[in-house]
Amino acid sequence: MSGSAAGFREGVRFVRDAGFVYLDDGRASFRIGEAAFDALLLACRTEAREEVVARYPTLFRLYDAASDAEESIAKARFV
């Protein structure tokens, strides 16, 4: 695997509510605490990005450009 950052796959959506983050990949929904979610997003920008993708392959993928990964995260936010 290679890539400069990890971001969400196409179609993934998330929303923050009452201390939790709800994620949906189109097939399943997930709920995690906000602190855990923030740590996961931080890991997407570090050397741990490949571990994030390996652990959550339906939610994340690697991007060649960090700006593309950031854009995927911004697009995934359900407002």
N, C-alpha and C. Protein backbone atom coordinates (compact mmCIF):
# COMPACT_ATOMS: atom_id res chain seq x y z
N MET A 1 0.84 -1.18 0.00
CA MET A 1 0.00 0.00 0.00
C MET A 1 0.88 1.23 0.00
N SER A 2 0.38 2.28 -0.61
CA SER A 2 1.08 3.55 -0.53
C SER A 2 0.07 4.67 -0.65
N GLY A 3 0.43 5.80 -0.17
CA GLY A 3 -0.44 6.97 -0.20
C GLY A 3 0.02 7.92 0.88
N SER A 4 -0.26 9.18 0.67
CA SER A 4 0.22 10.16 1.64
C SER A 4 -0.75 10.38 2.80
N ALA A 5 -2.00 9.96 2.63
CA ALA A 5 -2.99 10.11 3.69
C ALA A 5 -4.17 9.17 3.43
N ALA A 6 -4.91 8.90 4.48
CA ALA A 6 -6.13 8.10 4.35
C ALA A 6 -7.33 9.02 4.48
N GLY A 7 -8.38 8.66 3.78
CA GLY A 7 -9.63 9.41 3.86
C GLY A 7 -10.78 8.45 3.65
N PHE A 8 -11.96 8.99 3.67
CA PHE A 8 -13.14 8.14 3.52
C PHE A 8 -13.33 7.67 2.08
N ARG A 9 -13.89 6.49 1.96
CA ARG A 9 -14.29 5.98 0.65
C ARG A 9 -15.51 6.76 0.17
N GLU A 10 -15.72 6.74 -1.13
CA GLU A 10 -16.90 7.36 -1.72
C GLU A 10 -18.15 6.75 -1.09
N GLY A 11 -19.10 7.58 -0.72
CA GLY A 11 -20.36 7.10 -0.17
C GLY A 11 -20.42 7.02 1.34
N VAL A 12 -19.28 7.13 2.02
CA VAL A 12 -19.28 7.10 3.48
C VAL A 12 -19.79 8.45 3.99
N ARG A 13 -20.63 8.40 5.00
CA ARG A 13 -21.16 9.61 5.63
C ARG A 13 -21.01 9.50 7.14
N PHE A 14 -20.86 10.66 7.80
CA PHE A 14 -20.83 10.65 9.25
C PHE A 14 -21.50 11.90 9.80
N VAL A 15 -21.96 11.78 11.05
CA VAL A 15 -22.56 12.91 11.75
C VAL A 15 -22.15 12.82 13.22
N ARG A 16 -21.89 13.97 13.82
CA ARG A 16 -21.57 14.05 15.24
C ARG A 16 -22.84 14.40 16.00
N ASP A 17 -23.08 13.70 17.12
CA ASP A 17 -24.27 13.98 17.92
C ASP A 17 -24.07 13.48 19.34
N ALA A 18 -24.22 14.37 20.29
CA ALA A 18 -24.23 14.04 21.72
C ALA A 18 -23.03 13.20 22.15
N GLY A 19 -21.84 13.58 21.71
CA GLY A 19 -20.63 12.89 22.14
C GLY A 19 -20.26 11.65 21.35
N PHE A 20 -21.03 11.36 20.34
CA PHE A 20 -20.75 10.21 19.49
C PHE A 20 -20.66 10.63 18.03
N VAL A 21 -20.05 9.75 17.24
CA VAL A 21 -20.01 9.94 15.80
C VAL A 21 -20.65 8.70 15.19
N TYR A 22 -21.61 8.94 14.31
CA TYR A 22 -22.30 7.87 13.61
C TYR A 22 -21.80 7.84 12.17
N LEU A 23 -21.29 6.68 11.76
CA LEU A 23 -20.75 6.50 10.41
C LEU A 23 -21.61 5.51 9.65
N ASP A 24 -21.73 5.73 8.36
CA ASP A 24 -22.49 4.83 7.50
C ASP A 24 -21.72 4.63 6.21
N ASP A 25 -21.47 3.38 5.84
CA ASP A 25 -20.74 3.09 4.61
C ASP A 25 -21.65 2.60 3.49
N GLY A 26 -22.96 2.69 3.71
CA GLY A 26 -23.92 2.23 2.71
C GLY A 26 -24.40 0.81 2.95
N ARG A 27 -23.68 0.08 3.75
CA ARG A 27 -24.07 -1.30 4.08
C ARG A 27 -24.31 -1.49 5.57
N ALA A 28 -23.57 -0.75 6.37
CA ALA A 28 -23.67 -0.87 7.82
C ALA A 28 -23.46 0.49 8.47
N SER A 29 -23.97 0.63 9.68
CA SER A 29 -23.79 1.85 10.45
C SER A 29 -22.94 1.54 11.67
N PHE A 30 -22.16 2.52 12.09
CA PHE A 30 -21.25 2.35 13.22
C PHE A 30 -21.39 3.56 14.14
N ARG A 31 -21.18 3.35 15.45
CA ARG A 31 -21.19 4.44 16.41
C ARG A 31 -19.91 4.35 17.23
N ILE A 32 -19.17 5.46 17.30
CA ILE A 32 -17.97 5.51 18.13
C ILE A 32 -17.96 6.84 18.87
N GLY A 33 -17.21 6.91 19.93
CA GLY A 33 -17.09 8.14 20.70
C GLY A 33 -16.35 9.20 19.89
N GLU A 34 -16.64 10.47 20.17
CA GLU A 34 -16.00 11.57 19.44
C GLU A 34 -14.49 11.55 19.59
N ALA A 35 -13.98 11.28 20.79
CA ALA A 35 -12.53 11.27 21.02
C ALA A 35 -11.87 10.16 20.19
N ALA A 36 -12.49 9.00 20.13
CA ALA A 36 -11.95 7.90 19.32
C ALA A 36 -11.97 8.26 17.85
N PHE A 37 -13.05 8.90 17.40
CA PHE A 37 -13.15 9.32 16.00
C PHE A 37 -12.07 10.35 15.66
N ASP A 38 -11.89 11.32 16.53
CA ASP A 38 -10.86 12.34 16.30
C ASP A 38 -9.46 11.71 16.24
N ALA A 39 -9.21 10.72 17.09
CA ALA A 39 -7.92 10.01 17.06
C ALA A 39 -7.76 9.24 15.75
N LEU A 40 -8.84 8.68 15.28
CA LEU A 40 -8.82 7.94 14.01
C LEU A 40 -8.50 8.88 12.85
N LEU A 41 -9.13 10.05 12.83
CA LEU A 41 -8.84 11.03 11.78
C LEU A 41 -7.40 11.51 11.85
N LEU A 42 -6.88 11.69 13.04
CA LEU A 42 -5.48 12.09 13.20
C LEU A 42 -4.55 10.99 12.65
N ALA A 43 -4.88 9.74 12.94
CA ALA A 43 -4.08 8.62 12.44
C ALA A 43 -4.07 8.57 10.92
N CYS A 44 -5.14 9.05 10.29
CA CYS A 44 -5.21 9.07 8.83
C CYS A 44 -4.15 9.97 8.22
N ARG A 45 -3.63 10.90 9.01
CA ARG A 45 -2.64 11.87 8.52
C ARG A 45 -1.21 11.48 8.90
N THR A 46 -1.05 10.35 9.56
CA THR A 46 0.27 9.93 10.03
C THR A 46 0.67 8.60 9.38
N GLU A 47 1.78 8.07 9.85
CA GLU A 47 2.26 6.78 9.35
C GLU A 47 1.27 5.66 9.66
N ALA A 48 0.35 5.88 10.59
CA ALA A 48 -0.64 4.87 10.96
C ALA A 48 -1.77 4.75 9.93
N ARG A 49 -1.72 5.56 8.87
CA ARG A 49 -2.80 5.57 7.88
C ARG A 49 -3.06 4.20 7.27
N GLU A 50 -2.01 3.43 7.02
CA GLU A 50 -2.20 2.11 6.42
C GLU A 50 -2.89 1.15 7.39
N GLU A 51 -2.64 1.32 8.68
CA GLU A 51 -3.31 0.51 9.69
C GLU A 51 -4.80 0.84 9.74
N VAL A 52 -5.13 2.13 9.61
CA VAL A 52 -6.53 2.56 9.61
C VAL A 52 -7.25 1.91 8.43
N VAL A 53 -6.66 1.97 7.25
CA VAL A 53 -7.28 1.39 6.06
C VAL A 53 -7.42 -0.13 6.21
N ALA A 54 -6.40 -0.78 6.75
CA ALA A 54 -6.46 -2.24 6.92
C ALA A 54 -7.53 -2.64 7.94
N ARG A 55 -7.70 -1.84 8.96
CA ARG A 55 -8.67 -2.17 10.01
C ARG A 55 -10.10 -1.83 9.62
N TYR A 56 -10.28 -0.77 8.84
CA TYR A 56 -11.61 -0.32 8.44
C TYR A 56 -11.70 -0.17 6.92
N PRO A 57 -11.57 -1.27 6.19
CA PRO A 57 -11.50 -1.18 4.72
C PRO A 57 -12.79 -0.71 4.04
N THR A 58 -13.92 -0.84 4.70
CA THR A 58 -15.17 -0.36 4.07
C THR A 58 -15.38 1.12 4.28
N LEU A 59 -14.62 1.73 5.19
CA LEU A 59 -14.76 3.15 5.49
C LEU A 59 -13.66 4.01 4.89
N PHE A 60 -12.42 3.51 4.90
CA PHE A 60 -11.27 4.32 4.52
C PHE A 60 -10.51 3.74 3.34
N ARG A 61 -9.82 4.62 2.63
CA ARG A 61 -8.89 4.23 1.56
C ARG A 61 -7.73 5.21 1.57
N LEU A 62 -6.64 4.83 0.91
CA LEU A 62 -5.48 5.71 0.80
C LEU A 62 -5.64 6.64 -0.39
N TYR A 63 -5.14 7.85 -0.23
CA TYR A 63 -5.12 8.86 -1.30
C TYR A 63 -3.68 9.26 -1.55
N ASP A 64 -3.35 9.52 -2.81
CA ASP A 64 -2.00 9.98 -3.15
C ASP A 64 -1.72 11.37 -2.62
N ALA A 65 -2.73 12.22 -2.64
CA ALA A 65 -2.57 13.59 -2.17
C ALA A 65 -3.33 13.79 -0.87
N ALA A 66 -2.68 14.39 0.11
CA ALA A 66 -3.32 14.65 1.40
C ALA A 66 -4.55 15.54 1.22
N SER A 67 -4.52 16.45 0.26
CA SER A 67 -5.66 17.34 0.03
C SER A 67 -6.88 16.55 -0.44
N ASP A 68 -6.68 15.49 -1.20
CA ASP A 68 -7.79 14.64 -1.64
C ASP A 68 -8.40 13.89 -0.45
N ALA A 69 -7.55 13.44 0.45
CA ALA A 69 -8.03 12.75 1.65
C ALA A 69 -8.84 13.71 2.52
N GLU A 70 -8.34 14.92 2.70
CA GLU A 70 -9.05 15.93 3.48
C GLU A 70 -10.40 16.26 2.84
N GLU A 71 -10.43 16.35 1.53
CA GLU A 71 -11.67 16.63 0.81
C GLU A 71 -12.69 15.50 1.02
N SER A 72 -12.22 14.26 1.04
CA SER A 72 -13.12 13.13 1.24
C SER A 72 -13.74 13.18 2.63
N ILE A 73 -12.98 13.65 3.61
CA ILE A 73 -13.49 13.76 4.97
C ILE A 73 -14.52 14.88 5.05
N ALA A 74 -14.22 16.00 4.41
CA ALA A 74 -15.16 17.12 4.40
C ALA A 74 -16.47 16.75 3.69
N LYS A 75 -16.38 16.01 2.60
CA LYS A 75 -17.57 15.60 1.84
C LYS A 75 -18.41 14.59 2.60
N ALA A 76 -17.77 13.79 3.46
CA ALA A 76 -18.48 12.74 4.19
C ALA A 76 -19.33 13.28 5.34
N ARG A 77 -19.02 14.48 5.79
CA ARG A 77 -19.76 15.03 6.93
C ARG A 77 -21.20 15.33 6.52
N PHE A 78 -22.11 14.71 7.23
CA PHE A 78 -23.54 14.92 6.98
C PHE A 78 -23.98 16.07 7.86
N VAL A 79 -24.40 17.14 7.25
CA VAL A 79 -24.77 18.34 8.01
C VAL A 79 -26.26 18.44 8.12
